[in-house]
């Protein structure tokens, strides 16, 4: 298990969405951390946007990126808690065709080591829509580091074995009939 150096790294295009009522791009340490880590790993930052906690705004942005052939993956940070303003998982439910429940489960297990039982307040989630991966992480920089460093860095690397999300990308649209 791990990175097979004999395989070729395949960079993918990743869009980053920060969901926050209080941050700006200048104060968005979580979004910047994601951007730095994904480009540092060799991927391309396809876009970076900051939006308020509003389901309609989030859904519109996700749908635009899902339709964009230049976006392979979307990672969001913020809006995954349990307060009234936390609506990122609801936006994901609207756009995702398939859920990846293991992502949230694994994220909370990893987060348990950092923040203890407070991890139950996270609704980190993931899914697939129109061949695009979507991952929702909490808004803290620590959560972003846990999610990227412990899960996404590996699952978004085609060299990771025994399997990874990148090698499945050509098959994500199998359910769509060819005209």
C-alpha atoms as a PDB file:
ATOM      1  CA  UNK A   1       0.000   0.000   0.000  1.00  0.00           C
ATOM      2  CA  UNK A   2       1.088   3.544  -0.681  1.00  0.00           C
ATOM      3  CA  UNK A   3       2.610   5.388  -3.616  1.00  0.00           C
ATOM      4  CA  UNK A   4       3.961   3.187  -6.409  1.00  0.00           C
ATOM      5  CA  UNK A   5       6.822   5.248  -7.848  1.00  0.00           C
ATOM      6  CA  UNK A   6       6.811   3.052 -10.991  1.00  0.00           C
ATOM      7  CA  UNK A   7       3.434   4.511 -11.966  1.00  0.00           C
ATOM      8  CA  UNK A   8       3.011   7.922 -13.597  1.00  0.00           C
ATOM      9  CA  UNK A   9       1.530  10.832 -11.650  1.00  0.00           C
ATOM     10  CA  UNK A  10      -1.554  12.231 -13.401  1.00  0.00           C
ATOM     11  CA  UNK A  11      -2.364  15.833 -12.455  1.00  0.00           C
ATOM     12  CA  UNK A  12      -6.056  16.670 -12.241  1.00  0.00           C
ATOM     13  CA  UNK A  13      -7.904  20.002 -12.289  1.00  0.00           C
ATOM     14  CA  UNK A  14      -9.292  20.880  -8.866  1.00  0.00           C
ATOM     15  CA  UNK A  15     -11.626  23.776  -8.009  1.00  0.00           C
ATOM     16  CA  UNK A  16     -11.678  25.090  -4.428  1.00  0.00           C
ATOM     17  CA  UNK A  17     -14.788  26.634  -2.904  1.00  0.00           C
ATOM     18  CA  UNK A  18     -14.732  28.283   0.504  1.00  0.00           C
ATOM     19  CA  UNK A  19     -18.134  28.678   2.151  1.00  0.00           C
ATOM     20  CA  UNK A  20     -18.112  31.435   4.776  1.00  0.00           C
ATOM     21  CA  UNK A  21     -20.097  34.452   5.902  1.00  0.00           C
ATOM     22  CA  UNK A  22     -17.069  36.018   7.591  1.00  0.00           C
ATOM     23  CA  UNK A  23     -13.968  35.378   5.447  1.00  0.00           C
ATOM     24  CA  UNK A  24     -12.534  37.115   2.431  1.00  0.00           C
ATOM     25  CA  UNK A  25     -10.048  35.622  -0.029  1.00  0.00           C
ATOM     26  CA  UNK A  26      -7.339  37.486   1.890  1.00  0.00           C
ATOM     27  CA  UNK A  27      -8.332  35.954   5.253  1.00  0.00           C
ATOM     28  CA  UNK A  28      -9.283  32.517   3.919  1.00  0.00           C
ATOM     29  CA  UNK A  29      -6.487  30.385   5.378  1.00  0.00           C
ATOM     30  CA  UNK A  30      -8.375  27.130   4.774  1.00  0.00           C
ATOM     31  CA  UNK A  31      -8.922  27.754   1.072  1.00  0.00           C
ATOM     32  CA  UNK A  32      -5.336  28.929   0.693  1.00  0.00           C
ATOM     33  CA  UNK A  33      -4.068  25.840   2.496  1.00  0.00           C
ATOM     34  CA  UNK A  34      -6.021  23.629   0.081  1.00  0.00           C
ATOM     35  CA  UNK A  35      -4.767  25.569  -2.944  1.00  0.00           C
ATOM     36  CA  UNK A  36      -1.169  25.354  -1.723  1.00  0.00           C
ATOM     37  CA  UNK A  37      -1.359  21.645  -0.942  1.00  0.00           C
ATOM     38  CA  UNK A  38      -3.019  20.585  -4.181  1.00  0.00           C
ATOM     39  CA  UNK A  39      -0.635  22.592  -6.375  1.00  0.00           C
ATOM     40  CA  UNK A  40       2.289  21.430  -4.241  1.00  0.00           C
ATOM     41  CA  UNK A  41       1.233  17.863  -4.995  1.00  0.00           C
ATOM     42  CA  UNK A  42       1.330  18.609  -8.744  1.00  0.00           C
ATOM     43  CA  UNK A  43      -2.369  19.201  -9.459  1.00  0.00           C
ATOM     44  CA  UNK A  44      -3.803  22.273 -11.199  1.00  0.00           C
ATOM     45  CA  UNK A  45      -5.924  24.808  -9.306  1.00  0.00           C
ATOM     46  CA  UNK A  46      -8.765  25.151 -11.829  1.00  0.00           C
ATOM     47  CA  UNK A  47     -10.594  27.885  -9.887  1.00  0.00           C
ATOM     48  CA  UNK A  48     -10.986  29.325  -6.420  1.00  0.00           C
ATOM     49  CA  UNK A  49     -14.145  31.034  -5.174  1.00  0.00           C
ATOM     50  CA  UNK A  50     -15.491  32.207  -1.820  1.00  0.00           C
ATOM     51  CA  UNK A  51     -19.269  32.247  -1.274  1.00  0.00           C
ATOM     52  CA  UNK A  52     -21.629  33.015   1.599  1.00  0.00           C
ATOM     53  CA  UNK A  53     -23.469  30.178   3.367  1.00  0.00           C
ATOM     54  CA  UNK A  54     -26.401  30.070   0.945  1.00  0.00           C
ATOM     55  CA  UNK A  55     -27.645  26.805  -0.586  1.00  0.00           C
ATOM     56  CA  UNK A  56     -28.710  28.381  -3.890  1.00  0.00           C
ATOM     57  CA  UNK A  57     -25.378  30.164  -4.385  1.00  0.00           C
ATOM     58  CA  UNK A  58     -23.416  27.035  -3.528  1.00  0.00           C
ATOM     59  CA  UNK A  59     -25.534  24.819  -5.803  1.00  0.00           C
ATOM     60  CA  UNK A  60     -25.143  27.244  -8.739  1.00  0.00           C
ATOM     61  CA  UNK A  61     -21.351  27.303  -8.328  1.00  0.00           C
ATOM     62  CA  UNK A  62     -21.127  23.516  -7.957  1.00  0.00           C
ATOM     63  CA  UNK A  63     -23.334  22.988 -11.025  1.00  0.00           C
ATOM     64  CA  UNK A  64     -21.200  25.372 -13.100  1.00  0.00           C
ATOM     65  CA  UNK A  65     -18.023  23.489 -12.182  1.00  0.00           C
ATOM     66  CA  UNK A  66     -19.682  20.085 -12.639  1.00  0.00           C
ATOM     67  CA  UNK A  67     -20.576  21.112 -16.221  1.00  0.00           C
ATOM     68  CA  UNK A  68     -17.079  22.472 -16.889  1.00  0.00           C
ATOM     69  CA  UNK A  69     -14.897  19.847 -18.624  1.00  0.00           C
ATOM     70  CA  UNK A  70     -11.839  21.636 -17.188  1.00  0.00           C
ATOM     71  CA  UNK A  71     -12.828  20.717 -13.608  1.00  0.00           C
ATOM     72  CA  UNK A  72     -12.226  17.107 -12.504  1.00  0.00           C
ATOM     73  CA  UNK A  73     -12.722  17.603  -8.783  1.00  0.00           C
ATOM     74  CA  UNK A  74     -14.251  20.152  -6.407  1.00  0.00           C
ATOM     75  CA  UNK A  75     -13.138  20.537  -2.810  1.00  0.00           C
ATOM     76  CA  UNK A  76     -15.128  22.785  -0.498  1.00  0.00           C
ATOM     77  CA  UNK A  77     -14.194  24.055   2.929  1.00  0.00           C
ATOM     78  CA  UNK A  78     -16.757  25.374   5.367  1.00  0.00           C
ATOM     79  CA  UNK A  79     -20.466  25.029   5.992  1.00  0.00           C
ATOM     80  CA  UNK A  80     -20.349  21.412   7.204  1.00  0.00           C
ATOM     81  CA  UNK A  81     -21.328  21.993  10.828  1.00  0.00           C
ATOM     82  CA  UNK A  82     -24.740  21.733  12.449  1.00  0.00           C
ATOM     83  CA  UNK A  83     -25.772  25.380  12.831  1.00  0.00           C
ATOM     84  CA  UNK A  84     -28.577  26.931  10.828  1.00  0.00           C
ATOM     85  CA  UNK A  85     -26.124  28.608   8.435  1.00  0.00           C
ATOM     86  CA  UNK A  86     -24.182  25.394   7.668  1.00  0.00           C
ATOM     87  CA  UNK A  87     -25.654  24.226   4.354  1.00  0.00           C
ATOM     88  CA  UNK A  88     -22.839  22.734   2.282  1.00  0.00           C
ATOM     89  CA  UNK A  89     -24.025  19.101   2.721  1.00  0.00           C
ATOM     90  CA  UNK A  90     -27.518  20.144   1.628  1.00  0.00           C
ATOM     91  CA  UNK A  91     -26.041  21.702  -1.513  1.00  0.00           C
ATOM     92  CA  UNK A  92     -24.123  18.466  -2.154  1.00  0.00           C
ATOM     93  CA  UNK A  93     -27.348  16.437  -1.772  1.00  0.00           C
ATOM     94  CA  UNK A  94     -28.890  18.591  -4.508  1.00  0.00           C
ATOM     95  CA  UNK A  95     -26.128  18.039  -7.074  1.00  0.00           C
ATOM     96  CA  UNK A  96     -24.555  14.642  -6.332  1.00  0.00           C
ATOM     97  CA  UNK A  97     -25.609  11.554  -8.274  1.00  0.00           C
ATOM     98  CA  UNK A  98     -23.738   9.214  -5.935  1.00  0.00           C
ATOM     99  CA  UNK A  99     -22.587   9.655  -2.369  1.00  0.00           C
ATOM    100  CA  UNK A 100     -19.177   8.485  -1.141  1.00  0.00           C
ATOM    101  CA  UNK A 101     -20.097   7.792   2.505  1.00  0.00           C
ATOM    102  CA  UNK A 102     -16.686   6.379   3.398  1.00  0.00           C
ATOM    103  CA  UNK A 103     -15.081   9.796   2.929  1.00  0.00           C
ATOM    104  CA  UNK A 104     -17.007  11.432   5.768  1.00  0.00           C
ATOM    105  CA  UNK A 105     -16.628   8.365   7.952  1.00  0.00           C
ATOM    106  CA  UNK A 106     -12.874   8.240   7.417  1.00  0.00           C
ATOM    107  CA  UNK A 107     -12.526  11.995   7.866  1.00  0.00           C
ATOM    108  CA  UNK A 108     -14.261  11.847  11.257  1.00  0.00           C
ATOM    109  CA  UNK A 109     -12.120   8.894  12.332  1.00  0.00           C
ATOM    110  CA  UNK A 110      -8.946  10.821  11.429  1.00  0.00           C
ATOM    111  CA  UNK A 111     -10.293  13.999  13.040  1.00  0.00           C
ATOM    112  CA  UNK A 112     -10.989  12.110  16.275  1.00  0.00           C
ATOM    113  CA  UNK A 113      -7.226  12.020  16.870  1.00  0.00           C
ATOM    114  CA  UNK A 114      -7.003  15.829  16.572  1.00  0.00           C
ATOM    115  CA  UNK A 115     -10.174  17.148  18.178  1.00  0.00           C
ATOM    116  CA  UNK A 116     -11.628  14.206  20.075  1.00  0.00           C
ATOM    117  CA  UNK A 117     -15.351  13.685  20.204  1.00  0.00           C
ATOM    118  CA  UNK A 118     -15.984  17.162  18.759  1.00  0.00           C
ATOM    119  CA  UNK A 119     -15.590  15.428  15.390  1.00  0.00           C
ATOM    120  CA  UNK A 120     -19.245  14.332  15.612  1.00  0.00           C
ATOM    121  CA  UNK A 121     -20.189  17.937  14.779  1.00  0.00           C
ATOM    122  CA  UNK A 122     -18.675  17.572  11.299  1.00  0.00           C
ATOM    123  CA  UNK A 123     -20.861  16.662   8.360  1.00  0.00           C
ATOM    124  CA  UNK A 124     -17.916  16.221   5.971  1.00  0.00           C
ATOM    125  CA  UNK A 125     -19.235  14.465   2.886  1.00  0.00           C
ATOM    126  CA  UNK A 126     -18.366  13.518  -0.678  1.00  0.00           C
ATOM    127  CA  UNK A 127     -19.984  12.444  -3.899  1.00  0.00           C
ATOM    128  CA  UNK A 128     -19.841  12.271  -7.668  1.00  0.00           C
ATOM    129  CA  UNK A 129     -21.811  14.273 -10.245  1.00  0.00           C
ATOM    130  CA  UNK A 130     -21.423  14.075 -14.033  1.00  0.00           C
ATOM    131  CA  UNK A 131     -17.989  12.496 -13.662  1.00  0.00           C
ATOM    132  CA  UNK A 132     -16.759  15.144 -11.211  1.00  0.00           C
ATOM    133  CA  UNK A 133     -15.665  14.315  -7.675  1.00  0.00           C
ATOM    134  CA  UNK A 134     -16.936  16.566  -4.867  1.00  0.00           C
ATOM    135  CA  UNK A 135     -15.470  16.642  -1.348  1.00  0.00           C
ATOM    136  CA  UNK A 136     -16.773  18.839   1.493  1.00  0.00           C
ATOM    137  CA  UNK A 137     -14.389  19.559   4.362  1.00  0.00           C
ATOM    138  CA  UNK A 138     -15.014  21.633   7.499  1.00  0.00           C
ATOM    139  CA  UNK A 139     -13.835  25.244   7.492  1.00  0.00           C
ATOM    140  CA  UNK A 140     -10.926  25.043   9.914  1.00  0.00           C
ATOM    141  CA  UNK A 141      -7.399  24.964   8.579  1.00  0.00           C
ATOM    142  CA  UNK A 142      -6.712  21.920  10.766  1.00  0.00           C
ATOM    143  CA  UNK A 143      -9.628  20.047   9.201  1.00  0.00           C
ATOM    144  CA  UNK A 144      -8.416  20.945   5.712  1.00  0.00           C
ATOM    145  CA  UNK A 145      -4.950  19.651   6.561  1.00  0.00           C
ATOM    146  CA  UNK A 146      -6.416  16.405   7.960  1.00  0.00           C
ATOM    147  CA  UNK A 147      -8.633  15.906   4.913  1.00  0.00           C
ATOM    148  CA  UNK A 148      -5.924  16.629   2.360  1.00  0.00           C
ATOM    149  CA  UNK A 149      -2.888  15.147   4.110  1.00  0.00           C
ATOM    150  CA  UNK A 150      -4.569  11.956   5.309  1.00  0.00           C
ATOM    151  CA  UNK A 151      -7.100  11.175   2.548  1.00  0.00           C
ATOM    152  CA  UNK A 152      -7.203  13.308  -0.592  1.00  0.00           C
ATOM    153  CA  UNK A 153      -3.462  13.533  -1.180  1.00  0.00           C
ATOM    154  CA  UNK A 154      -3.487   9.763  -1.643  1.00  0.00           C
ATOM    155  CA  UNK A 155      -6.854   9.144  -3.241  1.00  0.00           C
ATOM    156  CA  UNK A 156      -6.240  11.869  -5.844  1.00  0.00           C
ATOM    157  CA  UNK A 157      -2.857  10.375  -6.783  1.00  0.00           C
ATOM    158  CA  UNK A 158      -2.994   7.823  -9.617  1.00  0.00           C
ATOM    159  CA  UNK A 159       0.098   6.129  -8.168  1.00  0.00           C
ATOM    160  CA  UNK A 160      -1.609   5.201  -4.887  1.00  0.00           C
ATOM    161  CA  UNK A 161      -2.266   1.513  -4.465  1.00  0.00           C
ATOM    162  CA  UNK A 162      -4.144  -0.667  -4.076  1.00  0.00           C
ATOM    163  CA  UNK A 163      -6.628   1.803  -5.624  1.00  0.00           C
ATOM    164  CA  UNK A 164      -7.455   5.499  -5.951  1.00  0.00           C
ATOM    165  CA  UNK A 165     -10.133   7.853  -7.264  1.00  0.00           C
ATOM    166  CA  UNK A 166      -8.087   8.995 -10.279  1.00  0.00           C
ATOM    167  CA  UNK A 167      -7.979   5.551 -11.887  1.00  0.00           C
ATOM    168  CA  UNK A 168     -11.794   5.421 -11.692  1.00  0.00           C
ATOM    169  CA  UNK A 169     -12.313   8.758 -13.471  1.00  0.00           C
ATOM    170  CA  UNK A 170     -12.703   7.271 -16.980  1.00  0.00           C
ATOM    171  CA  UNK A 171     -15.557   5.101 -15.665  1.00  0.00           C
ATOM    172  CA  UNK A 172     -17.550   7.713 -13.733  1.00  0.00           C
ATOM    173  CA  UNK A 173     -19.940   8.394 -16.629  1.00  0.00           C
ATOM    174  CA  UNK A 174     -20.682   4.756 -17.520  1.00  0.00           C
ATOM    175  CA  UNK A 175     -24.337   5.238 -16.576  1.00  0.00           C
ATOM    176  CA  UNK A 176     -24.791   7.966 -19.195  1.00  0.00           C
ATOM    177  CA  UNK A 177     -25.933   6.488 -22.481  1.00  0.00           C
ATOM    178  CA  UNK A 178     -24.043   7.488 -25.581  1.00  0.00           C
ATOM    179  CA  UNK A 179     -26.360   9.129 -28.165  1.00  0.00           C
END
